[in-house]
Amino acid sequence: MTDTIRIEGVRGYGAHGVLAEEKLRAQPFVVDVEMEVEPAAADSIECTVSYADVAADALAVVEGESADLVETLADRIAERVLARGALRAAVTVHKPEAPVGVPFSDVSVTVRRNGPLVDGGTIRRAVLALGSNLGDGRAHLDAAVEALGALDLHLTAVSDYLSTDPLLAPGQEPQPRYTNAVATVTTAMSPLALLAELQRIEVRGGRVRERRWGPRTIDLDIVDVEGVASVNPRLTLPHPRAGERLFVLEPWAQIEPEATLDGVPIASLIEKLRR
């Protein structure tokens, strides 16, 4: 389930076009944007993509660096929209005073772009964190690894299983210790498609989401996806707290000692946390 946000008629002036005179004289451009977004989790602007920000982005592109093609302008705007967390974007740029040479009412170009979370078809490496602290943790992780192997992916490596202390919120009641591991896979699934598959494995494994940081039979998180950065609240990549968690970094380093997280070597992160 997704929502659609539209903003139409954002008007600005820019010096864009193939002809030399178009580089010297600003002319009007009008932009329409349609965004597919996750439903807002709360009644807060922080839980959605602000159409005011998108309008400002569109205007900045129109008034900014010159481009030969209207397609280039539309693509630049779409890139900014997706960077704000939209899943998909359709951007139409109108050039009502284009030098067509015959009577016309409008010239427009529409581009449609997928954001990184829904863009599949490219084989990428992904890093997954596995954890369990209810029942037989090793058996739960074994079952999860077996279920991963049945998905449309290649399971490239699985770390040893580690026993770790639970991460608790202030005042939270004690929990059993965790069994943790990290797996690496390659897949052509989009990150959101992969997330959906992981959540199905959790449900089949008896996962019940009653409260944050509560005990669970199985927990599967996407830590990192090659070449993908996302601020979408449904799936933020790289995982925003992975760099603070030895129970993720240490098993990951076991199978990929030279790996980096958001450009930082995980070996450096581990060293810092162990001090």
Protein backbone atom coordinates (compact mmCIF):
# COMPACT_ATOMS: atom_id res chain seq x y z
CA MET A 1 0.00 0.00 0.00
CA THR A 2 1.38 3.38 -1.00
CA ASP A 3 0.18 6.98 -1.19
CA THR A 4 0.50 9.44 -4.06
CA ILE A 5 1.50 13.08 -3.64
CA ARG A 6 1.17 15.52 -6.54
CA ILE A 7 2.29 19.09 -6.97
CA GLU A 8 1.59 20.82 -10.26
CA GLY A 9 2.45 24.10 -11.90
CA VAL A 10 5.75 24.94 -10.19
CA ARG A 11 6.93 27.81 -12.36
CA GLY A 12 10.42 29.20 -12.80
CA TYR A 13 12.77 30.73 -15.33
CA GLY A 14 15.93 29.15 -16.64
CA ALA A 15 18.37 29.32 -19.56
CA HIS A 16 17.97 25.83 -20.97
CA GLY A 17 17.97 24.62 -24.55
CA VAL A 18 20.07 23.52 -27.49
CA LEU A 19 20.18 26.88 -29.28
CA ALA A 20 22.83 29.45 -28.35
CA GLU A 21 20.23 32.16 -27.71
CA GLU A 22 18.48 29.92 -25.20
CA LYS A 23 21.64 29.92 -23.11
CA LEU A 24 21.54 33.70 -22.94
CA ARG A 25 17.89 34.37 -22.16
CA ALA A 26 15.90 32.78 -19.37
CA GLN A 27 12.49 31.46 -20.40
CA PRO A 28 9.63 29.96 -18.39
CA PHE A 29 9.46 26.32 -17.38
CA VAL A 30 6.61 24.64 -15.51
CA VAL A 31 7.07 21.47 -13.47
CA ASP A 32 4.58 18.83 -12.31
CA VAL A 33 5.70 16.12 -9.87
CA GLU A 34 3.92 12.93 -8.84
CA MET A 35 5.47 10.89 -6.03
CA GLU A 36 4.67 7.44 -4.71
CA VAL A 37 5.43 7.36 -0.99
CA GLU A 38 4.97 5.15 2.02
CA PRO A 39 1.83 5.95 4.06
CA ALA A 40 2.69 8.35 6.85
CA ALA A 41 3.20 6.45 10.11
CA ALA A 42 2.08 9.46 12.14
CA ASP A 43 0.55 12.91 11.70
CA SER A 44 3.94 14.53 11.22
CA ILE A 45 5.77 16.05 8.26
CA GLU A 46 8.76 13.96 9.34
CA CYS A 47 6.82 10.85 8.30
CA THR A 48 6.33 11.79 4.66
CA VAL A 49 7.91 13.66 1.75
CA SER A 50 7.25 17.39 1.95
CA TYR A 51 5.74 18.79 -1.25
CA ALA A 52 7.13 22.18 -0.25
CA ASP A 53 10.66 20.73 -0.29
CA VAL A 54 9.97 19.06 -3.63
CA ALA A 55 8.68 22.33 -5.10
CA ALA A 56 11.83 24.10 -3.88
CA ASP A 57 13.96 21.35 -5.44
CA ALA A 58 12.18 21.70 -8.78
CA LEU A 59 12.61 25.45 -8.78
CA ALA A 60 16.28 25.16 -7.88
CA VAL A 61 16.89 22.85 -10.82
CA VAL A 62 15.01 25.11 -13.25
CA GLU A 63 16.92 28.17 -12.07
CA GLY A 64 20.22 26.33 -11.80
CA GLU A 65 22.83 24.86 -14.14
CA SER A 66 21.94 25.12 -17.81
CA ALA A 67 20.93 21.96 -19.66
CA ASP A 68 20.44 21.31 -23.35
CA LEU A 69 17.50 18.94 -22.95
CA VAL A 70 14.24 19.17 -21.07
CA GLU A 71 14.78 15.49 -20.32
CA THR A 72 17.90 16.40 -18.36
CA LEU A 73 15.98 18.90 -16.24
CA ALA A 74 13.27 16.36 -15.50
CA ASP A 75 15.84 13.72 -14.59
CA ARG A 76 17.65 16.09 -12.21
CA ILE A 77 14.38 16.90 -10.46
CA ALA A 78 13.42 13.22 -10.21
CA GLU A 79 16.80 12.44 -8.65
CA ARG A 80 16.17 15.02 -5.94
CA VAL A 81 12.65 13.75 -5.29
CA LEU A 82 13.88 10.19 -4.85
CA ALA A 83 16.66 11.37 -2.54
CA ARG A 84 13.94 12.71 -0.21
CA GLY A 85 12.54 9.22 0.25
CA ALA A 86 9.93 8.81 -2.49
CA LEU A 87 9.63 5.27 -3.80
CA ARG A 88 8.87 6.37 -7.35
CA ALA A 89 8.64 9.71 -9.11
CA ALA A 90 7.09 10.98 -12.33
CA VAL A 91 8.29 14.44 -13.33
CA THR A 92 6.85 16.49 -16.20
CA VAL A 93 8.67 19.61 -17.36
CA HIS A 94 6.77 22.00 -19.66
CA LYS A 95 8.57 24.45 -21.95
CA PRO A 96 5.75 26.72 -23.15
CA GLU A 97 7.99 29.12 -25.10
CA ALA A 98 10.15 26.52 -26.81
CA PRO A 99 11.48 27.61 -30.26
CA VAL A 100 9.33 25.17 -32.21
CA GLY A 101 8.85 27.30 -35.33
CA VAL A 102 5.16 26.54 -35.76
CA PRO A 103 2.07 27.39 -33.66
CA PHE A 104 1.79 25.11 -30.61
CA SER A 105 0.28 25.13 -27.13
CA ASP A 106 2.91 23.33 -25.10
CA VAL A 107 6.02 21.15 -25.15
CA SER A 108 6.57 18.77 -22.25
CA VAL A 109 8.69 15.80 -21.29
CA THR A 110 7.78 13.26 -18.61
CA VAL A 111 10.33 10.97 -16.97
CA ARG A 112 9.47 8.13 -14.60
CA ARG A 113 12.09 6.89 -12.20
CA ASN A 114 12.20 4.23 -9.51
CA GLY A 115 13.91 4.88 -6.21
CA PRO A 116 16.63 2.53 -5.03
CA LEU A 117 14.31 0.61 -2.69
CA VAL A 118 12.01 -0.55 -5.49
CA ASP A 119 14.58 -0.78 -8.27
CA GLY A 120 15.20 -4.47 -8.98
CA GLY A 121 16.88 -6.41 -11.75
CA THR A 122 20.46 -5.49 -10.84
CA ILE A 123 22.44 -8.12 -8.95
CA ARG A 124 23.67 -6.59 -5.70
CA ARG A 125 25.35 -7.82 -2.56
CA ALA A 126 23.36 -7.46 0.65
CA VAL A 127 24.37 -7.92 4.27
CA LEU A 128 21.80 -9.43 6.62
CA ALA A 129 21.81 -9.60 10.43
CA LEU A 130 20.16 -12.57 12.15
CA GLY A 131 19.22 -12.83 15.82
CA SER A 132 17.11 -14.88 18.22
CA ASN A 133 16.62 -14.89 22.00
CA LEU A 134 13.48 -16.99 22.48
CA GLY A 135 13.58 -20.76 22.49
CA ASP A 136 16.44 -22.57 20.79
CA GLY A 137 18.31 -19.68 19.17
CA ARG A 138 20.65 -21.85 17.14
CA ALA A 139 17.74 -23.85 15.77
CA HIS A 140 15.88 -20.66 14.86
CA LEU A 141 18.93 -19.30 13.03
CA ASP A 142 19.45 -22.63 11.27
CA ALA A 143 15.84 -22.51 10.05
CA ALA A 144 16.23 -18.91 8.89
CA VAL A 145 19.40 -19.69 6.96
CA GLU A 146 17.65 -22.65 5.32
CA ALA A 147 14.72 -20.37 4.38
CA LEU A 148 17.10 -17.79 2.93
CA GLY A 149 18.57 -20.48 0.72
CA ALA A 150 15.13 -21.09 -0.78
CA LEU A 151 14.72 -17.46 -1.88
CA ASP A 152 15.65 -15.95 -5.23
CA LEU A 153 19.16 -15.14 -4.08
CA HIS A 154 22.62 -16.65 -3.66
CA LEU A 155 23.67 -17.16 -0.05
CA THR A 156 27.38 -16.38 -0.21
CA ALA A 157 28.46 -16.67 3.43
CA VAL A 158 27.17 -17.15 6.98
CA SER A 159 29.20 -16.24 10.04
CA ASP A 160 29.61 -18.35 13.14
CA TYR A 161 26.84 -17.97 15.69
CA LEU A 162 27.67 -15.66 18.60
CA SER A 163 26.06 -15.45 22.03
CA THR A 164 25.52 -11.81 22.99
CA ASP A 165 23.84 -9.70 25.65
CA PRO A 166 20.44 -8.23 24.67
CA LEU A 167 20.17 -4.57 23.73
CA LEU A 168 17.66 -3.06 26.16
CA ALA A 169 15.96 0.31 26.42
CA PRO A 170 16.33 2.21 29.71
CA GLY A 171 14.15 0.57 32.35
CA GLN A 172 13.34 -2.43 30.14
CA GLU A 173 13.02 -5.77 31.90
CA PRO A 174 15.81 -8.34 31.43
CA GLN A 175 15.77 -10.71 28.45
CA PRO A 176 17.57 -13.94 27.54
CA ARG A 177 20.87 -13.70 25.70
CA TYR A 178 20.83 -13.54 21.91
CA THR A 179 22.24 -15.85 19.32
CA ASN A 180 23.49 -13.62 16.50
CA ALA A 181 24.98 -14.08 13.05
CA VAL A 182 25.50 -12.22 9.79
CA ALA A 183 24.91 -13.53 6.29
CA THR A 184 25.85 -12.09 2.93
CA VAL A 185 23.81 -12.68 -0.19
CA THR A 186 23.64 -11.56 -3.80
CA THR A 187 20.24 -10.96 -5.35
CA ALA A 188 18.44 -9.11 -8.12
CA MET A 189 15.47 -8.46 -5.85
CA SER A 190 14.79 -4.86 -4.95
CA PRO A 191 15.60 -4.01 -1.31
CA LEU A 192 11.89 -3.73 -0.45
CA ALA A 193 11.18 -7.08 -2.09
CA LEU A 194 14.01 -8.62 -0.08
CA LEU A 195 12.64 -7.01 3.10
CA ALA A 196 9.21 -8.50 2.42
CA GLU A 197 10.73 -11.96 2.02
CA LEU A 198 12.66 -11.59 5.29
CA GLN A 199 9.51 -10.55 7.11
CA ARG A 200 7.70 -13.62 5.77
CA ILE A 201 10.49 -15.79 7.17
CA GLU A 202 10.10 -14.03 10.52
CA VAL A 203 6.35 -14.67 10.56
CA ARG A 204 6.83 -18.34 9.70
CA GLY A 205 9.41 -18.50 12.47
CA GLY A 206 6.92 -17.27 15.07
CA ARG A 207 8.01 -13.62 15.25
CA VAL A 208 5.50 -11.43 17.09
CA ARG A 209 6.05 -7.65 17.04
CA GLU A 210 4.59 -6.56 20.36
CA ARG A 211 7.07 -3.85 21.35
CA ARG A 212 10.32 -2.35 20.16
CA TRP A 213 13.43 -4.20 21.30
CA GLY A 214 11.28 -6.98 22.69
CA PRO A 215 12.38 -10.62 22.70
CA ARG A 216 11.87 -12.49 19.46
CA THR A 217 12.17 -15.99 18.07
CA ILE A 218 13.86 -14.64 14.93
CA ASP A 219 14.93 -11.21 13.78
CA LEU A 220 16.21 -10.54 10.26
CA ASP A 221 17.53 -7.09 9.35
CA ILE A 222 19.02 -5.68 6.18
CA VAL A 223 22.25 -3.99 7.21
CA ASP A 224 23.55 -2.84 3.85
CA VAL A 225 22.79 -3.19 0.16
CA GLU A 226 25.52 -2.51 -2.35
CA GLY A 227 25.12 0.89 -3.98
CA VAL A 228 21.88 1.77 -2.18
CA ALA A 229 21.36 4.67 0.21
CA SER A 230 17.88 5.34 1.59
CA VAL A 231 16.30 7.67 4.14
CA ASN A 232 12.91 5.99 3.79
CA PRO A 233 11.56 5.20 7.28
CA ARG A 234 10.44 1.74 6.17
CA LEU A 235 13.96 0.76 5.19
CA THR A 236 16.86 3.08 5.95
CA LEU A 237 20.11 2.03 4.31
CA PRO A 238 22.74 1.52 5.47
CA HIS A 239 21.11 0.44 8.73
CA PRO A 240 21.35 3.56 10.92
CA ARG A 241 22.49 1.73 14.08
CA ALA A 242 24.59 -1.09 12.67
CA GLY A 243 27.80 0.86 13.22
CA GLU A 244 27.07 0.93 16.97
CA ARG A 245 26.47 -2.81 17.38
CA LEU A 246 29.29 -5.26 17.92
CA PHE A 247 26.81 -8.12 17.58
CA VAL A 248 26.46 -7.08 13.94
CA LEU A 249 29.97 -5.88 13.18
CA GLU A 250 31.95 -8.75 14.70
CA PRO A 251 30.23 -11.60 12.82
CA TRP A 252 30.26 -9.47 9.67
CA ALA A 253 34.00 -8.93 10.00
CA GLN A 254 34.43 -12.68 10.31
CA ILE A 255 33.16 -13.24 6.76
CA GLU A 256 34.10 -9.87 5.19
CA PRO A 257 37.05 -8.42 7.14
CA GLU A 258 37.64 -5.66 4.56
CA ALA A 259 34.01 -4.53 4.40
CA THR A 260 32.94 -0.94 4.91
CA LEU A 261 29.74 0.54 6.32
CA ASP A 262 28.76 3.88 4.83
CA GLY A 263 32.35 4.30 3.69
CA VAL A 264 33.94 3.45 7.06
CA PRO A 265 35.90 0.18 7.48
CA ILE A 266 34.01 -2.06 9.87
CA ALA A 267 37.34 -3.00 11.45
CA SER A 268 37.70 0.63 12.54
CA LEU A 269 34.18 0.67 13.93
CA ILE A 270 34.86 -2.50 15.91
CA GLU A 271 38.10 -1.11 17.32
CA LYS A 272 36.32 2.07 18.43
CA LEU A 273 33.51 0.16 20.15
CA ARG A 274 35.91 -2.16 21.97
CA ARG A 275 37.82 0.69 23.63
